[in-house]
Amino acid sequence: MAEYRLMVAPNGARRGRGDHPQLPVTPQQTARTAAVCFAAGAQALHLYLRDDKGRHSLDAGRYREALDAVRESATGMAVQITTESAGIYDAAAQLACLKALRSAAASVPVREVARDPLLAARAYALSAEAGGEVQHILYGPDCIARLRAWYNDGTVPGAMRDAIFVLGRYTPPALAQPDGLAVFRDATADLRLNWTVCTFGRHEHACLLAAVAAGGDARIGFENNIETPEGGLLADNAASVAAFVQAARDAGHSLKEC
């Protein structure tokens, strides 16, 4: 029996309305999705932006518009921005996004900012100066080794211990399985991380239940999965959130009070 936190990632950088008609793309759609997911039990939102053509964006002005819309629609819901490049942005652009927004919470992909170690150090220092919460995105052993080295040499402040383990992947497609969690837990056992799990594919709920049972938190949503366990389309993000919260409750787990 465990307590856990639940974040929703309703869109991501790659999927669009053609993949699912209820996937939010505009700030207004994202704000409405945030509100219904908050009501269903999600305590925080992982926020992605799109430009006028529906492509991934790190534009600070667009971020401010989306943040305002979400805060108005889902008052009390925490918001975490992403700095993921999605193959479009370099490390300098990721740093510029953090610098412009000085967000209270941001996710930072270790393998991407590692492309420029000097800028990586500046990004972490900037977040520490602003008092922001940084969640390290870890895709596998290489990312974990890099993060460990950065703790050792001071690139990453020792207090920044939040991380997310990514099970499965987009390309080449790889469905996450619950037993994939062990690799991350074993490799990070000495790092004292506060960890969350997100998972690709229709085994999402099973993987997240395993994470919660093991003492982690969960991130759910259409960024990583749009399918039911049987392979059909989920109705929408809120339906997936509600189903997971109920499954966790049935297993004896409960949401942490924020």
Protein backbone atom coordinates (compact mmCIF):
# COMPACT_ATOMS: atom_id res chain seq x y z
CA MET A 1 0.00 0.00 0.00
CA ALA A 2 1.52 3.32 -1.03
CA GLU A 3 0.83 7.00 -1.48
CA TYR A 4 1.74 8.58 -4.80
CA ARG A 5 1.59 11.77 -6.83
CA LEU A 6 -0.01 11.83 -10.26
CA MET A 7 0.93 14.09 -13.17
CA VAL A 8 -0.75 14.15 -16.58
CA ALA A 9 1.10 14.73 -19.88
CA PRO A 10 -1.83 15.21 -22.27
CA ASN A 11 -0.09 15.84 -25.61
CA GLY A 12 3.72 15.76 -25.89
CA ALA A 13 5.69 16.99 -28.88
CA ARG A 14 4.82 14.52 -31.62
CA ARG A 15 1.19 13.39 -31.65
CA GLY A 16 -1.66 15.46 -33.09
CA ARG A 17 -5.41 15.41 -33.61
CA GLY A 18 -4.91 12.90 -36.40
CA ASP A 19 -3.65 10.43 -33.81
CA HIS A 20 -6.52 11.11 -31.42
CA PRO A 21 -9.34 13.67 -31.81
CA GLN A 22 -9.22 14.54 -28.10
CA LEU A 23 -5.50 15.27 -27.95
CA PRO A 24 -5.10 18.95 -26.99
CA VAL A 25 -3.00 21.17 -29.25
CA THR A 26 -3.92 24.80 -28.53
CA PRO A 27 -3.49 26.53 -25.14
CA GLN A 28 -7.27 26.62 -24.76
CA GLN A 29 -7.63 22.91 -25.48
CA THR A 30 -4.81 22.14 -23.08
CA ALA A 31 -6.40 24.28 -20.37
CA ARG A 32 -9.74 22.49 -20.75
CA THR A 33 -7.98 19.12 -20.65
CA ALA A 34 -6.06 20.18 -17.55
CA ALA A 35 -9.30 21.08 -15.78
CA VAL A 36 -11.04 17.75 -16.40
CA CYS A 37 -7.88 15.78 -15.58
CA PHE A 38 -7.49 17.76 -12.34
CA ALA A 39 -11.07 16.87 -11.45
CA ALA A 40 -10.33 13.22 -12.24
CA GLY A 41 -7.36 13.13 -9.86
CA ALA A 42 -4.27 14.42 -11.68
CA GLN A 43 -2.44 16.82 -9.38
CA ALA A 44 -0.03 18.34 -11.90
CA LEU A 45 0.28 19.03 -15.62
CA HIS A 46 3.31 18.38 -17.83
CA LEU A 47 2.99 21.21 -20.34
CA TYR A 48 3.97 21.13 -24.01
CA LEU A 49 3.37 23.87 -26.59
CA ARG A 50 2.68 23.90 -30.32
CA ASP A 51 3.27 26.62 -32.89
CA ASP A 52 0.68 27.79 -35.44
CA LYS A 53 1.39 24.72 -37.58
CA GLY A 54 1.05 22.30 -34.70
CA ARG A 55 4.78 21.73 -34.25
CA HIS A 56 6.58 21.54 -30.91
CA SER A 57 7.60 24.93 -29.54
CA LEU A 58 9.72 26.32 -26.70
CA ASP A 59 8.59 29.90 -27.31
CA ALA A 60 8.45 31.78 -24.00
CA GLY A 61 5.54 33.98 -25.06
CA ARG A 62 3.45 30.96 -26.01
CA TYR A 63 4.38 29.36 -22.72
CA ARG A 64 3.13 32.37 -20.79
CA GLU A 65 -0.16 32.29 -22.69
CA ALA A 66 -0.62 28.59 -22.00
CA LEU A 67 0.37 28.92 -18.33
CA ASP A 68 -2.17 31.70 -17.82
CA ALA A 69 -4.89 29.64 -19.52
CA VAL A 70 -4.19 26.57 -17.40
CA ARG A 71 -4.05 28.51 -14.15
CA GLU A 72 -7.40 30.09 -14.92
CA SER A 73 -9.02 26.82 -15.95
CA ALA A 74 -7.49 24.50 -13.34
CA THR A 75 -6.81 26.66 -10.29
CA GLY A 76 -4.65 24.77 -7.82
CA MET A 77 -3.11 22.41 -10.36
CA ALA A 78 0.69 22.42 -10.40
CA VAL A 79 2.33 22.95 -13.81
CA GLN A 80 5.67 21.68 -15.04
CA ILE A 81 7.07 22.95 -18.34
CA THR A 82 9.18 20.79 -20.64
CA THR A 83 12.46 21.80 -22.22
CA GLU A 84 12.59 18.76 -24.52
CA SER A 85 14.06 19.55 -27.92
CA ALA A 86 12.07 16.92 -29.91
CA GLY A 87 14.87 17.06 -32.46
CA ILE A 88 14.17 20.73 -33.21
CA TYR A 89 16.05 22.80 -30.62
CA ASP A 90 19.65 22.91 -29.45
CA ALA A 91 20.87 23.22 -25.87
CA ALA A 92 21.13 27.01 -26.18
CA ALA A 93 17.43 27.25 -27.00
CA GLN A 94 16.58 25.03 -24.05
CA LEU A 95 18.62 27.28 -21.76
CA ALA A 96 16.95 30.38 -23.23
CA CYS A 97 13.54 28.90 -22.42
CA LEU A 98 14.50 28.30 -18.80
CA LYS A 99 16.05 31.75 -18.53
CA ALA A 100 13.02 33.54 -19.93
CA LEU A 101 10.44 31.72 -17.84
CA ARG A 102 12.25 30.95 -14.57
CA SER A 103 9.51 28.41 -14.05
CA ALA A 104 8.72 26.87 -10.69
CA ALA A 105 9.02 23.41 -12.25
CA ALA A 106 10.68 22.13 -15.42
CA SER A 107 11.72 18.80 -16.87
CA VAL A 108 15.21 18.62 -18.38
CA PRO A 109 16.32 15.73 -20.64
CA VAL A 110 19.80 14.76 -19.49
CA ARG A 111 20.89 13.31 -22.82
CA GLU A 112 19.90 16.47 -24.69
CA VAL A 113 21.49 19.10 -22.47
CA ALA A 114 24.60 16.91 -22.32
CA ARG A 115 25.26 17.96 -25.93
CA ASP A 116 26.77 21.13 -24.47
CA PRO A 117 28.15 20.56 -20.95
CA LEU A 118 28.87 24.24 -20.34
CA LEU A 119 25.31 25.22 -21.17
CA ALA A 120 24.04 22.31 -19.08
CA ALA A 121 25.87 23.67 -16.05
CA ARG A 122 24.40 27.12 -16.68
CA ALA A 123 20.90 25.68 -17.03
CA TYR A 124 21.07 23.86 -13.70
CA ALA A 125 22.64 26.87 -11.98
CA LEU A 126 19.93 29.14 -13.36
CA SER A 127 17.18 26.83 -12.10
CA ALA A 128 18.81 26.64 -8.68
CA GLU A 129 19.10 30.43 -8.53
CA ALA A 130 15.41 30.79 -9.43
CA GLY A 131 14.40 28.20 -6.85
CA GLY A 132 12.85 26.00 -9.52
CA GLU A 133 12.21 22.28 -9.29
CA VAL A 134 14.11 20.36 -11.97
CA GLN A 135 13.05 16.86 -12.97
CA HIS A 136 15.80 14.97 -14.78
CA ILE A 137 14.51 12.90 -17.70
CA LEU A 138 16.32 9.56 -17.74
CA TYR A 139 15.95 7.30 -20.76
CA GLY A 140 18.40 4.59 -19.72
CA PRO A 141 21.83 3.69 -18.30
CA ASP A 142 23.75 6.36 -20.27
CA CYS A 143 21.57 9.13 -18.84
CA ILE A 144 21.92 7.74 -15.33
CA ALA A 145 25.70 7.58 -15.66
CA ARG A 146 25.79 11.17 -16.89
CA LEU A 147 23.61 12.39 -14.03
CA ARG A 148 25.80 10.57 -11.50
CA ALA A 149 28.90 12.23 -12.97
CA TRP A 150 27.23 15.61 -12.83
CA TYR A 151 26.39 15.16 -9.14
CA ASN A 152 30.00 14.21 -8.51
CA ASP A 153 31.52 17.21 -10.30
CA GLY A 154 28.93 19.72 -9.12
CA THR A 155 27.29 20.40 -12.49
CA VAL A 156 23.97 19.42 -10.92
CA PRO A 157 23.30 20.74 -7.41
CA GLY A 158 22.96 17.93 -4.90
CA ALA A 159 19.49 19.07 -3.89
CA MET A 160 18.07 18.41 -7.38
CA ARG A 161 17.01 14.80 -6.84
CA ASP A 162 13.79 14.59 -8.85
CA ALA A 163 13.84 12.29 -11.87
CA ILE A 164 11.52 10.54 -14.28
CA PHE A 165 12.23 7.08 -15.65
CA VAL A 166 11.04 6.61 -19.23
CA LEU A 167 9.99 3.04 -19.99
CA GLY A 168 9.67 2.12 -23.67
CA ARG A 169 10.18 4.53 -26.57
CA TYR A 170 8.69 6.15 -29.68
CA THR A 171 11.26 5.03 -32.24
CA PRO A 172 11.89 2.32 -32.89
CA PRO A 173 8.58 1.51 -31.18
CA ALA A 174 9.00 -0.36 -27.91
CA LEU A 175 6.09 -1.07 -25.57
CA ALA A 176 6.94 -0.58 -21.93
CA GLN A 177 6.60 -3.54 -19.58
CA PRO A 178 6.41 -3.45 -15.77
CA ASP A 179 9.62 -5.44 -15.41
CA GLY A 180 11.50 -2.63 -17.19
CA LEU A 181 11.37 -0.61 -13.97
CA ALA A 182 13.98 -2.77 -12.24
CA VAL A 183 16.78 -1.59 -14.54
CA PHE A 184 16.24 2.03 -13.52
CA ARG A 185 15.80 1.31 -9.81
CA ASP A 186 18.92 -0.83 -9.62
CA ALA A 187 21.05 1.69 -11.52
CA THR A 188 19.93 4.65 -9.38
CA ALA A 189 19.82 2.98 -5.97
CA ASP A 190 22.74 5.04 -4.66
CA LEU A 191 21.46 8.40 -5.96
CA ARG A 192 18.56 8.87 -3.50
CA LEU A 193 16.20 10.09 -6.22
CA ASN A 194 12.58 11.09 -5.89
CA TRP A 195 11.40 9.23 -8.96
CA THR A 196 8.41 9.16 -11.25
CA VAL A 197 7.65 6.79 -14.12
CA CYS A 198 6.10 7.39 -17.54
CA THR A 199 5.60 4.58 -20.03
CA PHE A 200 5.01 4.10 -23.74
CA GLY A 201 2.16 1.96 -24.96
CA ARG A 202 -0.96 0.17 -23.82
CA HIS A 203 0.63 -1.40 -20.73
CA GLU A 204 0.84 2.10 -19.24
CA HIS A 205 -1.49 1.46 -16.30
CA ALA A 206 0.19 -1.83 -15.36
CA CYS A 207 3.61 -0.17 -15.44
CA LEU A 208 2.46 2.79 -13.37
CA LEU A 209 0.81 0.54 -10.80
CA ALA A 210 4.12 -1.30 -10.46
CA ALA A 211 5.90 2.03 -10.00
CA VAL A 212 3.50 3.18 -7.29
CA ALA A 213 3.79 -0.16 -5.48
CA ALA A 214 7.59 0.24 -5.55
CA GLY A 215 7.42 3.69 -3.95
CA GLY A 216 7.45 5.96 -7.01
CA ASP A 217 5.10 8.51 -8.51
CA ALA A 218 3.26 8.29 -11.82
CA ARG A 219 2.88 10.36 -14.98
CA ILE A 220 0.09 9.40 -17.33
CA GLY A 221 -1.33 10.78 -20.56
CA PHE A 222 -1.50 10.92 -24.32
CA GLU A 223 2.12 12.02 -24.69
CA ASN A 224 3.08 8.39 -24.09
CA ASN A 225 -0.06 6.33 -24.62
CA ILE A 226 -3.48 6.67 -26.28
CA GLU A 227 -4.56 3.02 -26.05
CA THR A 228 -6.53 0.82 -23.69
CA PRO A 229 -4.82 -2.38 -22.51
CA GLU A 230 -6.75 -4.20 -25.25
CA GLY A 231 -5.41 -1.91 -27.98
CA GLY A 232 -8.44 0.33 -28.57
CA LEU A 233 -8.38 4.11 -28.27
CA LEU A 234 -8.87 5.67 -24.85
CA ALA A 235 -11.78 8.13 -24.73
CA ASP A 236 -9.60 11.02 -23.59
CA ASN A 237 -6.90 11.93 -21.08
CA ALA A 238 -9.35 12.39 -18.21
CA ALA A 239 -10.83 8.92 -18.75
CA SER A 240 -7.35 7.41 -18.51
CA VAL A 241 -6.59 9.41 -15.36
CA ALA A 242 -9.85 8.36 -13.70
CA ALA A 243 -9.36 4.70 -14.61
CA PHE A 244 -5.84 4.69 -13.21
CA VAL A 245 -6.83 6.42 -9.98
CA GLN A 246 -9.54 3.79 -9.50
CA ALA A 247 -7.16 0.93 -10.29
CA ALA A 248 -4.63 2.31 -7.81
CA ARG A 249 -7.37 2.67 -5.21
CA ASP A 250 -8.47 -0.91 -5.81
CA ALA A 251 -4.85 -1.98 -5.20
CA GLY A 252 -4.85 -0.11 -1.89
CA HIS A 253 -2.87 2.95 -3.02
CA SER A 254 -3.91 6.56 -2.48
CA LEU A 255 -2.99 9.98 -3.82
CA LYS A 256 -0.70 12.08 -1.65
CA GLU A 257 -2.09 15.32 -0.37
CA CYS A 258 -0.30 18.24 -2.05
